[in-house]
N, C-alpha and C. Protein backbone atom coordinates (compact mmCIF):
# COMPACT_ATOMS: atom_id res chain seq x y z
N MET A 1 58.51 40.26 -74.44
CA MET A 1 58.53 41.23 -73.36
C MET A 1 58.58 42.62 -73.98
N ALA A 2 57.72 43.49 -73.55
CA ALA A 2 57.60 44.83 -74.12
C ALA A 2 58.69 45.72 -73.56
N CYS A 3 59.19 46.58 -74.40
CA CYS A 3 60.20 47.54 -73.98
C CYS A 3 59.56 48.55 -73.03
N GLY A 4 60.27 48.94 -72.02
CA GLY A 4 59.72 49.91 -71.07
C GLY A 4 58.96 49.24 -69.96
N GLY A 5 59.14 47.93 -69.80
CA GLY A 5 58.49 47.22 -68.70
C GLY A 5 58.98 47.75 -67.36
N PRO A 6 58.34 47.33 -66.28
CA PRO A 6 58.67 47.85 -64.95
C PRO A 6 60.12 47.65 -64.55
N HIS A 7 60.76 46.62 -65.06
CA HIS A 7 62.15 46.37 -64.66
C HIS A 7 63.13 47.37 -65.29
N LEU A 8 62.71 48.16 -66.26
CA LEU A 8 63.59 49.14 -66.89
C LEU A 8 63.36 50.55 -66.37
N LEU A 9 62.30 50.76 -65.63
CA LEU A 9 62.00 52.10 -65.13
C LEU A 9 62.68 52.35 -63.79
N LEU A 10 63.26 53.50 -63.68
CA LEU A 10 63.86 53.90 -62.41
C LEU A 10 62.91 54.85 -61.70
N PRO A 11 62.82 54.75 -60.40
CA PRO A 11 61.97 55.69 -59.67
C PRO A 11 62.43 57.13 -59.92
N PRO A 12 61.50 58.08 -59.98
CA PRO A 12 61.87 59.48 -60.24
C PRO A 12 62.92 60.02 -59.27
N VAL A 13 62.87 59.60 -58.01
CA VAL A 13 63.85 60.08 -57.03
C VAL A 13 65.25 59.63 -57.41
N LEU A 14 65.39 58.37 -57.84
CA LEU A 14 66.69 57.86 -58.24
C LEU A 14 67.19 58.57 -59.49
N LEU A 15 66.30 58.85 -60.43
CA LEU A 15 66.69 59.60 -61.63
C LEU A 15 67.20 60.99 -61.26
N LEU A 16 66.53 61.63 -60.32
CA LEU A 16 66.95 62.95 -59.87
C LEU A 16 68.33 62.89 -59.24
N LEU A 17 68.56 61.88 -58.41
CA LEU A 17 69.87 61.74 -57.77
C LEU A 17 70.96 61.47 -58.80
N LEU A 18 70.68 60.63 -59.77
CA LEU A 18 71.66 60.35 -60.80
C LEU A 18 71.97 61.60 -61.62
N ALA A 19 70.95 62.36 -61.97
CA ALA A 19 71.14 63.57 -62.77
C ALA A 19 71.90 64.64 -61.99
N SER A 20 71.68 64.71 -60.69
CA SER A 20 72.34 65.76 -59.90
C SER A 20 73.77 65.42 -59.55
N GLY A 21 74.15 64.15 -59.72
CA GLY A 21 75.51 63.76 -59.38
C GLY A 21 75.68 63.51 -57.89
N SER A 22 74.61 63.50 -57.14
CA SER A 22 74.71 63.32 -55.70
C SER A 22 74.76 61.86 -55.29
N TRP A 23 74.41 60.99 -56.19
CA TRP A 23 74.42 59.58 -55.86
C TRP A 23 75.80 59.05 -56.20
N VAL A 24 76.68 59.00 -55.20
CA VAL A 24 78.07 58.64 -55.42
C VAL A 24 78.37 57.38 -54.63
N LYS A 25 78.83 56.36 -55.30
CA LYS A 25 79.17 55.12 -54.62
C LYS A 25 80.30 55.40 -53.62
N GLY A 26 80.14 54.90 -52.42
CA GLY A 26 81.16 55.08 -51.40
C GLY A 26 81.08 56.40 -50.68
N ALA A 27 80.10 57.23 -51.00
CA ALA A 27 79.99 58.53 -50.34
C ALA A 27 78.96 58.48 -49.21
N VAL A 28 78.77 57.31 -48.64
CA VAL A 28 77.87 57.16 -47.51
C VAL A 28 78.46 57.95 -46.34
N PRO A 29 77.66 58.72 -45.64
CA PRO A 29 78.21 59.52 -44.54
C PRO A 29 78.91 58.66 -43.49
N GLU A 30 80.06 59.12 -43.08
CA GLU A 30 80.77 58.48 -41.98
C GLU A 30 80.85 59.50 -40.85
N GLU A 31 80.63 59.07 -39.64
CA GLU A 31 80.59 59.99 -38.51
C GLU A 31 81.94 60.02 -37.80
N LEU A 32 82.47 61.23 -37.63
CA LEU A 32 83.72 61.42 -36.90
C LEU A 32 83.45 62.28 -35.68
N HIS A 33 84.06 61.94 -34.56
CA HIS A 33 83.86 62.67 -33.31
C HIS A 33 85.16 63.34 -32.88
N ARG A 34 85.06 64.61 -32.52
CA ARG A 34 86.19 65.36 -32.00
C ARG A 34 85.69 66.23 -30.85
N HIS A 35 86.65 66.84 -30.12
CA HIS A 35 86.31 67.77 -29.05
C HIS A 35 86.71 69.19 -29.46
N SER A 36 86.07 70.17 -28.86
CA SER A 36 86.42 71.58 -29.10
C SER A 36 87.91 71.76 -28.85
N GLY A 37 88.53 72.54 -29.73
CA GLY A 37 89.95 72.82 -29.60
C GLY A 37 90.84 71.83 -30.32
N GLN A 38 90.31 70.67 -30.70
CA GLN A 38 91.11 69.66 -31.39
C GLN A 38 91.24 70.00 -32.87
N THR A 39 92.05 69.20 -33.57
CA THR A 39 92.27 69.34 -35.00
C THR A 39 91.76 68.09 -35.70
N LEU A 40 91.10 68.29 -36.84
CA LEU A 40 90.65 67.17 -37.67
C LEU A 40 91.65 66.98 -38.80
N PHE A 41 92.17 65.76 -38.93
CA PHE A 41 93.03 65.38 -40.05
C PHE A 41 92.25 64.35 -40.86
N LEU A 42 92.20 64.54 -42.17
CA LEU A 42 91.40 63.67 -43.02
C LEU A 42 92.12 63.45 -44.33
N GLN A 43 92.05 62.23 -44.85
CA GLN A 43 92.66 61.93 -46.15
C GLN A 43 91.56 61.49 -47.11
N CYS A 44 91.58 62.04 -48.31
CA CYS A 44 90.61 61.68 -49.34
C CYS A 44 91.36 61.05 -50.51
N GLN A 45 90.92 59.85 -50.90
CA GLN A 45 91.60 59.12 -51.97
C GLN A 45 90.83 59.24 -53.28
N TYR A 46 91.58 59.20 -54.37
CA TYR A 46 90.98 59.24 -55.70
C TYR A 46 91.89 58.51 -56.67
N SER A 47 91.38 58.22 -57.85
CA SER A 47 92.18 57.55 -58.88
C SER A 47 93.01 58.59 -59.62
N PRO A 48 94.34 58.47 -59.58
CA PRO A 48 95.17 59.44 -60.30
C PRO A 48 94.85 59.41 -61.80
N LYS A 49 94.81 60.59 -62.40
CA LYS A 49 94.52 60.71 -63.83
C LYS A 49 95.58 61.56 -64.50
N THR A 50 95.82 61.26 -65.76
CA THR A 50 96.72 62.11 -66.53
C THR A 50 95.88 63.23 -67.15
N GLY A 51 96.56 64.24 -67.62
CA GLY A 51 95.84 65.36 -68.22
C GLY A 51 95.92 66.58 -67.33
N PRO A 52 95.06 67.56 -67.60
CA PRO A 52 95.12 68.80 -66.82
C PRO A 52 94.80 68.54 -65.34
N TYR A 53 95.38 69.38 -64.52
CA TYR A 53 95.18 69.24 -63.07
C TYR A 53 93.72 69.48 -62.70
N GLN A 54 93.20 68.64 -61.82
CA GLN A 54 91.84 68.79 -61.31
C GLN A 54 91.91 69.26 -59.86
N PRO A 55 91.41 70.46 -59.57
CA PRO A 55 91.44 70.97 -58.19
C PRO A 55 90.65 70.06 -57.24
N LYS A 56 91.12 70.00 -56.00
CA LYS A 56 90.44 69.24 -54.96
C LYS A 56 89.88 70.22 -53.94
N SER A 57 88.75 69.86 -53.32
CA SER A 57 88.07 70.80 -52.42
C SER A 57 87.59 70.13 -51.15
N TRP A 58 87.39 70.97 -50.15
CA TRP A 58 86.76 70.61 -48.87
C TRP A 58 85.64 71.61 -48.69
N CYS A 59 84.41 71.11 -48.54
CA CYS A 59 83.28 72.02 -48.41
C CYS A 59 82.33 71.55 -47.33
N GLN A 60 81.54 72.49 -46.81
CA GLN A 60 80.54 72.18 -45.80
C GLN A 60 79.17 72.15 -46.47
N GLN A 61 78.46 71.06 -46.25
CA GLN A 61 77.14 70.89 -46.86
C GLN A 61 76.16 71.89 -46.27
N THR A 62 75.41 72.57 -47.15
CA THR A 62 74.41 73.54 -46.71
C THR A 62 72.99 73.05 -46.97
N SER A 63 72.82 72.15 -47.93
CA SER A 63 71.54 71.52 -48.24
C SER A 63 71.87 70.21 -48.95
N PRO A 64 70.88 69.38 -49.26
CA PRO A 64 71.20 68.07 -49.83
C PRO A 64 72.13 68.08 -51.04
N ASN A 65 72.05 69.06 -51.91
CA ASN A 65 72.90 69.08 -53.11
C ASN A 65 73.79 70.30 -53.19
N ARG A 66 74.02 70.97 -52.08
CA ARG A 66 74.83 72.19 -52.10
C ARG A 66 75.81 72.21 -50.94
N CYS A 67 76.93 72.89 -51.19
CA CYS A 67 77.91 73.07 -50.13
C CYS A 67 78.65 74.38 -50.33
N THR A 68 79.26 74.86 -49.26
CA THR A 68 80.08 76.06 -49.30
C THR A 68 81.54 75.64 -49.32
N LEU A 69 82.28 76.06 -50.35
CA LEU A 69 83.70 75.72 -50.44
C LEU A 69 84.47 76.39 -49.30
N LEU A 70 85.26 75.61 -48.59
CA LEU A 70 86.08 76.13 -47.50
C LEU A 70 87.52 76.32 -47.93
N VAL A 71 88.03 75.38 -48.71
CA VAL A 71 89.40 75.49 -49.22
C VAL A 71 89.51 74.60 -50.47
N THR A 72 90.27 75.09 -51.47
CA THR A 72 90.42 74.38 -52.73
C THR A 72 91.87 74.46 -53.18
N THR A 73 92.39 73.35 -53.71
CA THR A 73 93.75 73.37 -54.23
C THR A 73 93.77 74.14 -55.54
N SER A 74 94.95 74.68 -55.86
CA SER A 74 95.08 75.39 -57.13
C SER A 74 96.09 74.70 -58.04
N LYS A 75 97.01 73.96 -57.44
CA LYS A 75 97.97 73.20 -58.24
C LYS A 75 98.51 72.05 -57.41
N THR A 76 99.15 71.14 -58.09
CA THR A 76 99.63 69.92 -57.47
C THR A 76 100.72 70.17 -56.43
N GLN A 77 100.73 69.38 -55.41
CA GLN A 77 101.75 69.35 -54.35
C GLN A 77 101.99 70.72 -53.71
N THR A 78 100.97 71.52 -53.60
CA THR A 78 101.06 72.80 -52.93
C THR A 78 100.01 72.83 -51.83
N ALA A 79 100.44 73.16 -50.63
CA ALA A 79 99.49 73.26 -49.52
C ALA A 79 98.84 74.64 -49.56
N ILE A 80 97.54 74.66 -49.45
CA ILE A 80 96.77 75.90 -49.42
C ILE A 80 96.14 76.03 -48.04
N GLN A 81 96.34 77.18 -47.41
CA GLN A 81 95.74 77.43 -46.09
C GLN A 81 94.80 78.62 -46.22
N GLN A 82 93.57 78.43 -45.78
CA GLN A 82 92.59 79.51 -45.72
C GLN A 82 91.94 79.44 -44.35
N SER A 83 92.21 80.45 -43.55
CA SER A 83 91.66 80.49 -42.20
C SER A 83 92.10 79.25 -41.42
N ARG A 84 91.17 78.47 -40.94
CA ARG A 84 91.49 77.28 -40.14
C ARG A 84 91.58 76.01 -40.99
N TYR A 85 91.49 76.15 -42.31
CA TYR A 85 91.43 75.00 -43.20
C TYR A 85 92.70 74.92 -44.05
N LYS A 86 93.20 73.69 -44.20
CA LYS A 86 94.40 73.48 -45.02
C LYS A 86 94.16 72.25 -45.90
N ILE A 87 94.63 72.34 -47.14
CA ILE A 87 94.49 71.23 -48.08
C ILE A 87 95.79 71.08 -48.86
N SER A 88 96.20 69.85 -49.08
CA SER A 88 97.38 69.59 -49.91
C SER A 88 97.13 68.32 -50.72
N ASP A 89 97.51 68.37 -51.98
CA ASP A 89 97.22 67.29 -52.92
C ASP A 89 98.51 66.57 -53.30
N GLU A 90 98.44 65.25 -53.33
CA GLU A 90 99.54 64.39 -53.78
C GLU A 90 99.02 63.55 -54.94
N PRO A 91 98.93 64.14 -56.15
CA PRO A 91 98.28 63.44 -57.27
C PRO A 91 98.97 62.14 -57.69
N ASN A 92 100.29 62.06 -57.54
CA ASN A 92 100.97 60.81 -57.91
C ASN A 92 100.58 59.67 -56.98
N ALA A 93 100.25 60.01 -55.74
CA ALA A 93 99.85 59.00 -54.76
C ALA A 93 98.34 58.77 -54.77
N GLY A 94 97.59 59.70 -55.35
CA GLY A 94 96.14 59.54 -55.44
C GLY A 94 95.39 59.88 -54.16
N PHE A 95 95.88 60.88 -53.44
CA PHE A 95 95.14 61.32 -52.25
C PHE A 95 95.44 62.79 -51.97
N PHE A 96 94.55 63.42 -51.20
CA PHE A 96 94.82 64.75 -50.68
C PHE A 96 94.43 64.79 -49.22
N ASN A 97 95.09 65.67 -48.49
CA ASN A 97 94.90 65.79 -47.04
C ASN A 97 94.15 67.07 -46.70
N ILE A 98 93.28 66.96 -45.71
CA ILE A 98 92.51 68.09 -45.19
C ILE A 98 92.87 68.24 -43.72
N THR A 99 93.08 69.47 -43.29
CA THR A 99 93.29 69.77 -41.87
C THR A 99 92.34 70.89 -41.49
N MET A 100 91.64 70.69 -40.39
CA MET A 100 90.72 71.70 -39.84
C MET A 100 91.16 71.96 -38.41
N ASN A 101 91.65 73.18 -38.13
CA ASN A 101 92.21 73.51 -36.81
C ASN A 101 91.18 74.13 -35.88
N GLN A 102 91.48 74.06 -34.59
CA GLN A 102 90.69 74.74 -33.54
C GLN A 102 89.19 74.52 -33.71
N LEU A 103 88.80 73.26 -33.69
CA LEU A 103 87.38 72.92 -33.87
C LEU A 103 86.52 73.52 -32.75
N THR A 104 85.31 73.91 -33.12
CA THR A 104 84.32 74.38 -32.15
C THR A 104 83.05 73.56 -32.37
N GLN A 105 82.13 73.65 -31.43
CA GLN A 105 80.87 72.93 -31.57
C GLN A 105 80.10 73.40 -32.80
N ASN A 106 80.31 74.66 -33.21
CA ASN A 106 79.65 75.19 -34.41
C ASN A 106 80.14 74.51 -35.69
N ASP A 107 81.28 73.82 -35.62
CA ASP A 107 81.80 73.10 -36.79
C ASP A 107 81.07 71.79 -37.03
N SER A 108 80.24 71.37 -36.09
CA SER A 108 79.48 70.12 -36.29
C SER A 108 78.62 70.25 -37.54
N GLY A 109 78.63 69.21 -38.36
CA GLY A 109 77.83 69.24 -39.58
C GLY A 109 78.39 68.27 -40.61
N SER A 110 77.87 68.35 -41.82
CA SER A 110 78.28 67.46 -42.91
C SER A 110 79.27 68.17 -43.82
N TYR A 111 80.30 67.44 -44.21
CA TYR A 111 81.36 67.96 -45.07
C TYR A 111 81.62 66.97 -46.19
N TRP A 112 82.10 67.51 -47.32
CA TRP A 112 82.48 66.68 -48.45
C TRP A 112 83.89 67.03 -48.86
N CYS A 113 84.66 66.02 -49.21
CA CYS A 113 85.91 66.27 -49.92
C CYS A 113 85.72 65.67 -51.30
N GLY A 114 86.28 66.35 -52.30
CA GLY A 114 86.08 65.86 -53.65
C GLY A 114 86.86 66.62 -54.69
N ILE A 115 86.61 66.24 -55.93
CA ILE A 115 87.26 66.87 -57.09
C ILE A 115 86.33 67.98 -57.57
N TYR A 116 86.91 69.18 -57.66
CA TYR A 116 86.12 70.37 -57.98
C TYR A 116 86.24 70.73 -59.45
N ASN A 117 85.10 70.91 -60.10
CA ASN A 117 85.05 71.37 -61.48
C ASN A 117 84.54 72.81 -61.45
N ALA A 118 85.47 73.75 -61.57
CA ALA A 118 85.12 75.17 -61.45
C ALA A 118 84.24 75.65 -62.60
N SER A 119 84.44 75.12 -63.81
CA SER A 119 83.64 75.59 -64.95
C SER A 119 82.17 75.22 -64.80
N GLN A 120 81.88 74.10 -64.16
CA GLN A 120 80.49 73.70 -63.94
C GLN A 120 80.04 73.97 -62.51
N ASN A 121 80.97 74.41 -61.67
CA ASN A 121 80.71 74.69 -60.26
C ASN A 121 80.08 73.48 -59.55
N VAL A 122 80.70 72.31 -59.76
CA VAL A 122 80.24 71.08 -59.12
C VAL A 122 81.43 70.38 -58.48
N ILE A 123 81.13 69.56 -57.49
CA ILE A 123 82.15 68.77 -56.83
C ILE A 123 81.76 67.30 -56.92
N THR A 124 82.70 66.47 -57.34
CA THR A 124 82.48 65.03 -57.33
C THR A 124 82.88 64.55 -55.95
N VAL A 125 81.90 64.15 -55.17
CA VAL A 125 82.14 63.81 -53.76
C VAL A 125 82.88 62.49 -53.65
N LEU A 126 84.02 62.53 -52.95
CA LEU A 126 84.80 61.33 -52.70
C LEU A 126 84.56 60.78 -51.31
N ARG A 127 84.29 61.69 -50.39
CA ARG A 127 84.09 61.28 -49.00
C ARG A 127 83.08 62.22 -48.36
N ASN A 128 82.11 61.65 -47.67
CA ASN A 128 81.04 62.40 -47.02
C ASN A 128 81.21 62.20 -45.51
N VAL A 129 81.52 63.28 -44.81
CA VAL A 129 81.85 63.19 -43.39
C VAL A 129 80.82 63.95 -42.56
N SER A 130 80.29 63.28 -41.56
CA SER A 130 79.43 63.94 -40.58
C SER A 130 80.28 64.17 -39.34
N LEU A 131 80.62 65.42 -39.09
CA LEU A 131 81.51 65.78 -37.98
C LEU A 131 80.69 66.18 -36.77
N VAL A 132 81.00 65.57 -35.63
CA VAL A 132 80.34 65.89 -34.37
C VAL A 132 81.42 66.41 -33.42
N VAL A 133 81.31 67.70 -33.06
CA VAL A 133 82.27 68.32 -32.15
C VAL A 133 81.59 68.52 -30.81
N SER A 134 82.14 67.89 -29.79
CA SER A 134 81.60 67.98 -28.43
C SER A 134 82.44 68.96 -27.61
N PRO A 135 81.88 69.45 -26.50
CA PRO A 135 82.68 70.33 -25.64
C PRO A 135 83.93 69.60 -25.17
N ALA A 136 84.98 70.37 -24.97
CA ALA A 136 86.22 69.79 -24.47
C ALA A 136 85.97 69.20 -23.09
N PRO A 137 86.53 68.03 -22.82
CA PRO A 137 86.32 67.45 -21.49
C PRO A 137 86.94 68.34 -20.42
N THR A 138 86.25 68.44 -19.32
CA THR A 138 86.78 69.24 -18.22
C THR A 138 87.50 68.33 -17.25
N THR A 139 88.56 68.84 -16.73
CA THR A 139 89.30 68.09 -15.72
C THR A 139 89.22 68.84 -14.42
N SER A 140 89.03 68.11 -13.36
CA SER A 140 88.98 68.73 -12.04
C SER A 140 90.40 69.11 -11.64
N PRO A 141 90.53 70.26 -10.99
CA PRO A 141 91.87 70.63 -10.55
C PRO A 141 92.37 69.63 -9.51
N VAL A 142 93.64 69.35 -9.59
CA VAL A 142 94.24 68.43 -8.63
C VAL A 142 94.89 69.27 -7.54
N TRP A 143 94.43 69.05 -6.33
CA TRP A 143 94.98 69.78 -5.20
C TRP A 143 95.96 68.87 -4.48
N THR A 144 97.13 69.39 -4.22
CA THR A 144 98.11 68.65 -3.45
C THR A 144 98.30 69.37 -2.13
N LEU A 145 98.03 68.67 -1.08
CA LEU A 145 98.23 69.24 0.25
C LEU A 145 99.49 68.64 0.84
N THR A 146 100.34 69.49 1.32
CA THR A 146 101.55 69.03 1.97
C THR A 146 101.48 69.42 3.44
N TRP A 147 101.55 68.43 4.27
CA TRP A 147 101.51 68.68 5.71
C TRP A 147 102.94 68.75 6.21
N LEU A 148 103.30 69.89 6.73
CA LEU A 148 104.64 70.06 7.29
C LEU A 148 104.57 69.72 8.77
N PRO A 149 105.64 69.08 9.26
CA PRO A 149 105.62 68.78 10.69
C PRO A 149 105.57 70.09 11.48
N THR A 150 104.82 70.07 12.55
CA THR A 150 104.71 71.26 13.39
C THR A 150 105.55 71.07 14.63
N SER A 151 105.99 72.16 15.14
CA SER A 151 106.73 72.11 16.40
C SER A 151 106.23 73.23 17.29
N THR A 152 106.31 73.00 18.55
CA THR A 152 105.90 74.00 19.51
C THR A 152 107.15 74.64 20.06
N VAL A 153 107.15 75.95 20.04
CA VAL A 153 108.31 76.70 20.53
C VAL A 153 107.91 77.37 21.83
N LEU A 154 108.71 77.15 22.82
CA LEU A 154 108.45 77.77 24.12
C LEU A 154 109.29 79.03 24.21
N ILE A 155 108.64 80.14 24.45
CA ILE A 155 109.35 81.41 24.59
C ILE A 155 109.47 81.68 26.08
N THR A 156 110.71 81.85 26.48
CA THR A 156 110.95 82.12 27.91
C THR A 156 111.81 83.35 28.06
N SER A 157 111.78 83.89 29.24
CA SER A 157 112.64 85.04 29.55
C SER A 157 113.68 84.57 30.56
N PRO A 158 114.90 85.11 30.43
CA PRO A 158 115.89 84.76 31.46
C PRO A 158 115.36 85.20 32.82
N GLU A 159 115.79 84.48 33.81
CA GLU A 159 115.30 84.78 35.15
C GLU A 159 115.60 86.20 35.53
N GLY A 160 114.61 86.84 36.00
CA GLY A 160 114.76 88.19 36.49
C GLY A 160 114.64 89.26 35.43
N THR A 161 114.50 88.89 34.13
CA THR A 161 114.35 89.91 33.09
C THR A 161 113.05 89.65 32.36
N SER A 162 112.50 90.69 31.82
CA SER A 162 111.28 90.51 31.05
C SER A 162 111.37 91.19 29.70
N ASP A 163 112.50 91.88 29.42
CA ASP A 163 112.58 92.62 28.16
C ASP A 163 113.35 91.88 27.08
N HIS A 164 114.07 90.83 27.37
CA HIS A 164 114.82 90.09 26.36
C HIS A 164 114.45 88.61 26.43
N PRO A 165 113.38 88.24 25.76
CA PRO A 165 113.02 86.83 25.82
C PRO A 165 113.99 85.98 24.99
N SER A 166 114.08 84.71 25.30
CA SER A 166 114.89 83.81 24.49
C SER A 166 113.96 82.85 23.77
N ILE A 167 114.33 82.53 22.57
CA ILE A 167 113.52 81.62 21.76
C ILE A 167 114.31 80.33 21.59
N ASN A 168 113.69 79.24 21.94
CA ASN A 168 114.34 77.94 21.83
C ASN A 168 115.68 77.91 22.56
N GLY A 169 115.74 78.58 23.63
CA GLY A 169 116.95 78.53 24.44
C GLY A 169 118.06 79.44 23.99
N SER A 170 117.90 80.17 22.89
CA SER A 170 118.97 81.11 22.53
C SER A 170 118.50 82.50 22.90
N GLU A 171 119.34 83.19 23.55
CA GLU A 171 118.96 84.48 24.10
C GLU A 171 119.14 85.58 23.06
N THR A 172 118.19 86.47 22.97
CA THR A 172 118.32 87.61 22.07
C THR A 172 118.82 88.79 22.86
N ARG A 173 119.68 89.58 22.31
CA ARG A 173 120.22 90.75 22.99
C ARG A 173 120.17 91.96 22.11
């Protein structure tokens, strides 16, 4: 069997994905649904490693191999809040948490959580999330009608007078 046979060649597209680091096992997009005004809570798991701290990030995908960083950890067990985004890392447990507050329909899109390498400006994607934010459900106002018993009041005047009527039998003076 000759070296370089068809079984050893990878399609150019697969080679490109491998070289770019975008082909990540387990990073298949998962779709999450929320409503406007709600909060997204998300946990990203990773294998704990010894050595220097590796920052964790939450970013919004802008093209197939690019994203905009929304929030990044700077050190272990410290919560970082930037605008509506919060991230906290628990390296001993092997996970970090993402919180996205006050969701709007404009937040719909693809997001990645992962380990950020600032020197190479790359993120190793741990979780690929497709977020769908729908309008908040509307509720119809509930009207409560209370019917009070009605009564008829007869207004009469004492006999022979017309200037001091009595109401319900009690005379006004």
